[in-house]
């Protein structure tokens, strides 16, 4: 007859890594395009504003919505309009084209998780509190969280903007927690 002993997990002690090393929390949050800007863009497009074009999506990865942070699907309508992530009056201010869904979509809310649709093809630009760029790094095939954490290690970094590597368009902002 076999005698099976059960391990006593209650009395077991864990040695090795600390609980801080086991459970890593994010040091940043993702900030998508604000809902009020998306709604204003939708109203402008509906009223026929020439600088707010309605486009029918024709590829699976060509039209990223800056509000929900997902790629628009072929056949969906998106609004193409200009946006300045850095306010005018600063040397690094750029106004460039961005897309949002023409129909209301839910704003990206998993702010402590990097959006899965944009793990490749992004460049991260870090800026100081005066909107001066202080560093930049391309993420293509590497872990974006690691690059973000590295950029945020610089105490002068106030925020990081994620942009398209190929088009240069603003995608979303990353802020230190």
Protein backbone atom coordinates (compact mmCIF):
# COMPACT_ATOMS: atom_id res chain seq x y z
CA UNK A 1 0.00 0.00 0.00
CA UNK A 2 1.23 3.45 -0.94
CA UNK A 3 1.23 6.27 1.47
CA UNK A 4 0.82 9.67 -0.15
CA UNK A 5 1.86 12.69 1.81
CA UNK A 6 0.37 16.02 1.04
CA UNK A 7 2.62 19.02 1.22
CA UNK A 8 1.70 21.50 3.91
CA UNK A 9 1.46 24.75 1.94
CA UNK A 10 0.29 26.67 4.99
CA UNK A 11 3.65 26.30 6.65
CA UNK A 12 5.69 26.70 3.47
CA UNK A 13 7.96 29.71 3.23
CA UNK A 14 8.80 31.38 -0.02
CA UNK A 15 12.41 32.28 -0.58
CA UNK A 16 13.90 34.03 -3.53
CA UNK A 17 12.31 37.01 -5.21
CA UNK A 18 10.44 39.55 -3.15
CA UNK A 19 6.76 40.15 -3.74
CA UNK A 20 7.70 43.47 -5.42
CA UNK A 21 9.68 41.54 -8.01
CA UNK A 22 6.87 39.07 -8.60
CA UNK A 23 4.08 41.55 -9.12
CA UNK A 24 5.22 44.51 -11.15
CA UNK A 25 2.91 47.47 -11.38
CA UNK A 26 2.94 49.98 -14.17
CA UNK A 27 4.73 53.27 -13.66
CA UNK A 28 2.76 54.94 -16.44
CA UNK A 29 -0.73 55.46 -17.78
CA UNK A 30 -1.97 55.65 -21.35
CA UNK A 31 -3.91 58.80 -22.26
CA UNK A 32 -5.95 58.51 -25.47
CA UNK A 33 -7.53 61.44 -27.29
CA UNK A 34 -10.07 63.09 -24.97
CA UNK A 35 -13.74 62.36 -25.65
CA UNK A 36 -14.61 66.06 -25.98
CA UNK A 37 -12.12 66.43 -28.85
CA UNK A 38 -13.49 63.29 -30.56
CA UNK A 39 -17.07 64.55 -30.22
CA UNK A 40 -16.10 68.00 -31.54
CA UNK A 41 -14.43 66.35 -34.55
CA UNK A 42 -17.55 64.28 -35.24
CA UNK A 43 -19.75 67.40 -35.11
CA UNK A 44 -17.37 69.26 -37.44
CA UNK A 45 -17.40 66.38 -39.94
CA UNK A 46 -21.20 66.14 -39.80
CA UNK A 47 -21.49 69.87 -40.51
CA UNK A 48 -19.28 69.50 -43.59
CA UNK A 49 -16.11 71.17 -42.30
CA UNK A 50 -13.50 70.85 -45.05
CA UNK A 51 -10.70 70.05 -42.60
CA UNK A 52 -12.62 67.06 -41.18
CA UNK A 53 -12.85 64.46 -43.93
CA UNK A 54 -14.93 61.29 -43.66
CA UNK A 55 -12.99 58.34 -45.05
CA UNK A 56 -14.10 54.74 -45.63
CA UNK A 57 -11.45 52.35 -44.30
CA UNK A 58 -9.91 50.06 -46.92
CA UNK A 59 -7.17 48.26 -44.95
CA UNK A 60 -6.96 46.50 -41.60
CA UNK A 61 -4.00 48.46 -40.21
CA UNK A 62 -4.07 51.87 -41.84
CA UNK A 63 -6.56 53.82 -39.74
CA UNK A 64 -5.87 53.87 -35.99
CA UNK A 65 -8.57 55.50 -33.87
CA UNK A 66 -6.91 57.79 -31.32
CA UNK A 67 -9.95 57.62 -29.05
CA UNK A 68 -10.54 53.86 -28.56
CA UNK A 69 -6.96 52.93 -29.58
CA UNK A 70 -8.03 50.20 -32.01
CA UNK A 71 -7.57 49.88 -35.74
CA UNK A 72 -10.70 50.76 -37.69
CA UNK A 73 -11.92 47.79 -39.73
CA UNK A 74 -12.37 47.81 -43.50
CA UNK A 75 -15.74 49.30 -44.40
CA UNK A 76 -15.96 51.46 -41.26
CA UNK A 77 -16.00 55.22 -41.59
CA UNK A 78 -13.39 57.36 -39.85
CA UNK A 79 -12.83 61.08 -39.58
CA UNK A 80 -9.48 62.47 -40.68
CA UNK A 81 -8.58 65.80 -39.06
CA UNK A 82 -5.58 67.71 -37.78
CA UNK A 83 -4.44 67.65 -34.19
CA UNK A 84 -1.56 69.24 -32.26
CA UNK A 85 -0.42 67.12 -29.30
CA UNK A 86 2.12 69.83 -28.39
CA UNK A 87 0.41 73.23 -28.13
CA UNK A 88 1.30 75.94 -30.66
CA UNK A 89 4.02 78.34 -29.61
CA UNK A 90 6.58 75.67 -28.73
CA UNK A 91 9.47 74.58 -30.97
CA UNK A 92 8.29 70.95 -31.07
CA UNK A 93 4.66 71.77 -31.77
CA UNK A 94 3.40 69.77 -34.74
CA UNK A 95 -0.04 69.72 -36.27
CA UNK A 96 -0.70 66.47 -38.06
CA UNK A 97 -3.46 64.22 -39.32
CA UNK A 98 -5.18 61.71 -37.04
CA UNK A 99 -8.19 59.40 -37.31
CA UNK A 100 -11.12 58.66 -35.04
CA UNK A 101 -14.14 56.46 -35.69
CA UNK A 102 -16.98 58.42 -37.31
CA UNK A 103 -19.42 56.60 -35.04
CA UNK A 104 -18.99 57.09 -31.29
CA UNK A 105 -16.61 54.56 -29.75
CA UNK A 106 -15.65 53.90 -26.16
CA UNK A 107 -12.54 55.76 -25.06
CA UNK A 108 -9.64 53.45 -24.25
CA UNK A 109 -9.98 52.79 -20.53
CA UNK A 110 -7.29 50.22 -19.71
CA UNK A 111 -4.97 53.13 -18.97
CA UNK A 112 -2.46 51.03 -17.03
CA UNK A 113 -2.06 48.56 -19.92
CA UNK A 114 -0.26 49.24 -23.16
CA UNK A 115 -2.76 49.01 -26.08
CA UNK A 116 -2.23 45.70 -27.85
CA UNK A 117 -2.94 47.11 -31.33
CA UNK A 118 0.14 49.35 -31.18
CA UNK A 119 2.97 47.12 -29.95
CA UNK A 120 4.91 47.62 -33.20
CA UNK A 121 5.58 50.56 -35.46
CA UNK A 122 5.68 53.29 -32.79
CA UNK A 123 8.28 55.83 -31.86
CA UNK A 124 8.26 57.21 -28.33
CA UNK A 125 9.31 60.83 -27.86
CA UNK A 126 9.88 62.08 -24.33
CA UNK A 127 9.33 65.73 -23.48
CA UNK A 128 10.04 67.96 -20.50
CA UNK A 129 7.48 70.21 -18.80
CA UNK A 130 8.22 73.00 -21.33
CA UNK A 131 7.36 70.69 -24.26
CA UNK A 132 11.00 70.28 -25.36
CA UNK A 133 11.88 66.86 -26.73
CA UNK A 134 14.60 65.27 -24.63
CA UNK A 135 14.79 61.74 -26.02
CA UNK A 136 13.21 59.39 -28.55
CA UNK A 137 13.26 55.66 -29.21
CA UNK A 138 11.71 53.41 -31.85
CA UNK A 139 9.68 50.40 -30.70
CA UNK A 140 9.36 47.75 -33.34
CA UNK A 141 9.39 44.19 -32.14
CA UNK A 142 10.60 45.03 -28.63
CA UNK A 143 8.62 45.47 -25.45
CA UNK A 144 7.12 48.97 -25.43
CA UNK A 145 6.65 48.92 -21.65
CA UNK A 146 10.39 48.55 -21.13
CA UNK A 147 11.16 51.47 -23.43
CA UNK A 148 8.54 53.66 -21.74
CA UNK A 149 9.92 52.85 -18.29
CA UNK A 150 13.43 53.66 -19.51
CA UNK A 151 12.32 57.05 -20.87
CA UNK A 152 10.44 57.83 -17.66
CA UNK A 153 13.54 57.10 -15.56
CA UNK A 154 14.81 60.50 -16.61
CA UNK A 155 13.45 62.87 -13.94
CA UNK A 156 13.17 65.63 -16.56
CA UNK A 157 10.63 63.61 -18.56
CA UNK A 158 7.15 65.08 -18.05
CA UNK A 159 5.40 62.84 -20.60
CA UNK A 160 5.99 60.61 -23.62
CA UNK A 161 4.09 60.77 -26.91
CA UNK A 162 3.63 57.63 -29.00
CA UNK A 163 3.70 58.33 -32.73
CA UNK A 164 3.63 56.30 -35.92
CA UNK A 165 7.09 55.34 -37.15
CA UNK A 166 6.06 55.46 -40.80
CA UNK A 167 3.73 58.48 -40.84
CA UNK A 168 4.86 60.41 -37.77
CA UNK A 169 1.27 60.94 -36.61
CA UNK A 170 0.41 61.28 -32.93
CA UNK A 171 -1.14 58.10 -31.48
CA UNK A 172 -1.49 58.66 -27.72
CA UNK A 173 0.21 60.22 -24.70
CA UNK A 174 1.92 58.37 -21.87
CA UNK A 175 2.12 59.96 -18.43
CA UNK A 176 4.06 59.02 -15.34
CA UNK A 177 1.92 57.80 -12.45
